[in-house]
Amino acid sequence: MRIDKFLKVSRLIKRRSVANEACDGGRIAVNGKIVKASYDVKPGDVIELTLGSKTVKVRVENISEHVLKADAASLYTVL
């Protein structure tokens, strides 16, 4: 699954277009490397989001195309 879609499905970022812009702006890193929106996310990847002055680091646990809002947090673990 593309990283921009994963960020939207997991509710880390509300809209896919915002996730896409964050990737284009170099604010999304996976395993220590800046990635583009087309990066293919795999379980075990460590995603670091820098939005404003806040930095969030999560590890991908599962990948699913459709997730209910209540279950979205099961896709990742905050580090």
C-alpha atoms as a PDB file:
ATOM      1  CA  MET A   1       0.000   0.000   0.000  1.00  0.00           C
ATOM      2  CA  ARG A   2       1.241   3.497  -0.823  1.00  0.00           C
ATOM      3  CA  ILE A   3       2.373   5.529   2.166  1.00  0.00           C
ATOM      4  CA  ASP A   4      -0.011   8.411   1.466  1.00  0.00           C
ATOM      5  CA  LYS A   5      -2.961   5.998   1.500  1.00  0.00           C
ATOM      6  CA  PHE A   6      -1.672   4.242   4.651  1.00  0.00           C
ATOM      7  CA  LEU A   7      -1.421   7.561   6.505  1.00  0.00           C
ATOM      8  CA  LYS A   8      -5.026   8.344   5.577  1.00  0.00           C
ATOM      9  CA  VAL A   9      -6.436   4.865   6.367  1.00  0.00           C
ATOM     10  CA  SER A  10      -4.609   4.750   9.719  1.00  0.00           C
ATOM     11  CA  ARG A  11      -5.955   8.250  10.545  1.00  0.00           C
ATOM     12  CA  LEU A  12      -2.448   9.604  11.210  1.00  0.00           C
ATOM     13  CA  ILE A  13      -3.303  12.300   8.627  1.00  0.00           C
ATOM     14  CA  LYS A  14      -6.942  13.161   7.892  1.00  0.00           C
ATOM     15  CA  ARG A  15      -6.828  13.539   4.107  1.00  0.00           C
ATOM     16  CA  ARG A  16      -4.803  11.746   1.451  1.00  0.00           C
ATOM     17  CA  SER A  17      -4.072  15.010  -0.352  1.00  0.00           C
ATOM     18  CA  VAL A  18      -2.475  16.383   2.836  1.00  0.00           C
ATOM     19  CA  ALA A  19      -0.456  13.165   3.214  1.00  0.00           C
ATOM     20  CA  ASN A  20       0.676  13.500  -0.406  1.00  0.00           C
ATOM     21  CA  GLU A  21       1.785  17.111   0.179  1.00  0.00           C
ATOM     22  CA  ALA A  22       3.677  16.073   3.343  1.00  0.00           C
ATOM     23  CA  CYS A  23       5.564  13.443   1.330  1.00  0.00           C
ATOM     24  CA  ASP A  24       6.357  15.934  -1.439  1.00  0.00           C
ATOM     25  CA  GLY A  25       7.599  18.394   1.187  1.00  0.00           C
ATOM     26  CA  GLY A  26      10.055  15.871   2.632  1.00  0.00           C
ATOM     27  CA  ARG A  27       8.289  15.632   6.002  1.00  0.00           C
ATOM     28  CA  ILE A  28       7.747  11.836   5.911  1.00  0.00           C
ATOM     29  CA  ALA A  29      10.629   9.425   6.535  1.00  0.00           C
ATOM     30  CA  VAL A  30      10.537   5.627   6.567  1.00  0.00           C
ATOM     31  CA  ASN A  31      13.383   3.754   8.256  1.00  0.00           C
ATOM     32  CA  GLY A  32      15.400   6.975   8.354  1.00  0.00           C
ATOM     33  CA  LYS A  33      15.001   7.880   4.664  1.00  0.00           C
ATOM     34  CA  ILE A  34      12.794  10.609   3.171  1.00  0.00           C
ATOM     35  CA  VAL A  35      10.224   8.948   0.896  1.00  0.00           C
ATOM     36  CA  LYS A  36       7.827   9.920  -1.873  1.00  0.00           C
ATOM     37  CA  ALA A  37       4.062   9.331  -1.710  1.00  0.00           C
ATOM     38  CA  SER A  38       4.405   6.232  -3.899  1.00  0.00           C
ATOM     39  CA  TYR A  39       6.602   4.370  -1.350  1.00  0.00           C
ATOM     40  CA  ASP A  40       5.215   0.871  -0.646  1.00  0.00           C
ATOM     41  CA  VAL A  41       4.669   0.440   3.117  1.00  0.00           C
ATOM     42  CA  LYS A  42       5.385  -2.958   4.700  1.00  0.00           C
ATOM     43  CA  PRO A  43       4.743  -4.271   8.236  1.00  0.00           C
ATOM     44  CA  GLY A  44       7.739  -3.460  10.429  1.00  0.00           C
ATOM     45  CA  ASP A  45       8.537  -0.143   8.731  1.00  0.00           C
ATOM     46  CA  VAL A  46       9.178   2.797  11.081  1.00  0.00           C
ATOM     47  CA  ILE A  47       7.471   5.971   9.860  1.00  0.00           C
ATOM     48  CA  GLU A  48       8.518   9.383  11.162  1.00  0.00           C
ATOM     49  CA  LEU A  49       6.130  12.280  10.494  1.00  0.00           C
ATOM     50  CA  THR A  50       7.253  15.862  11.037  1.00  0.00           C
ATOM     51  CA  LEU A  51       4.247  18.171  10.999  1.00  0.00           C
ATOM     52  CA  GLY A  52       4.990  21.672  12.213  1.00  0.00           C
ATOM     53  CA  SER A  53       7.086  21.436  15.369  1.00  0.00           C
ATOM     54  CA  LYS A  54       5.640  18.029  16.277  1.00  0.00           C
ATOM     55  CA  THR A  55       7.337  14.752  15.350  1.00  0.00           C
ATOM     56  CA  VAL A  56       5.517  11.416  15.551  1.00  0.00           C
ATOM     57  CA  LYS A  57       7.280   8.071  15.182  1.00  0.00           C
ATOM     58  CA  VAL A  58       5.244   4.885  14.572  1.00  0.00           C
ATOM     59  CA  ARG A  59       5.922   1.277  13.568  1.00  0.00           C
ATOM     60  CA  VAL A  60       3.588  -0.318  10.996  1.00  0.00           C
ATOM     61  CA  GLU A  61       1.927  -3.424  12.461  1.00  0.00           C
ATOM     62  CA  ASN A  62      -0.771  -4.273   9.879  1.00  0.00           C
ATOM     63  CA  ILE A  63      -1.876  -3.099   6.469  1.00  0.00           C
ATOM     64  CA  SER A  64      -5.542  -3.013   5.538  1.00  0.00           C
ATOM     65  CA  GLU A  65      -7.419  -1.235   2.751  1.00  0.00           C
ATOM     66  CA  HIS A  66     -10.477  -0.381   4.890  1.00  0.00           C
ATOM     67  CA  VAL A  67     -10.518   0.101   8.661  1.00  0.00           C
ATOM     68  CA  LEU A  68     -13.168   1.448  10.993  1.00  0.00           C
ATOM     69  CA  LYS A  69     -12.199   4.569  12.929  1.00  0.00           C
ATOM     70  CA  ALA A  70     -12.164   2.622  16.216  1.00  0.00           C
ATOM     71  CA  ASP A  71      -9.732   0.041  14.779  1.00  0.00           C
ATOM     72  CA  ALA A  72      -7.391   2.477  12.989  1.00  0.00           C
ATOM     73  CA  ALA A  73      -4.892   2.521  15.873  1.00  0.00           C
ATOM     74  CA  SER A  74      -4.338  -1.249  15.459  1.00  0.00           C
ATOM     75  CA  LEU A  75      -2.445  -0.568  12.223  1.00  0.00           C
ATOM     76  CA  TYR A  76       0.511   1.019  14.025  1.00  0.00           C
ATOM     77  CA  THR A  77       2.346   1.320  17.346  1.00  0.00           C
ATOM     78  CA  VAL A  78       3.574   4.703  18.575  1.00  0.00           C
ATOM     79  CA  LEU A  79       7.271   4.638  19.476  1.00  0.00           C
END
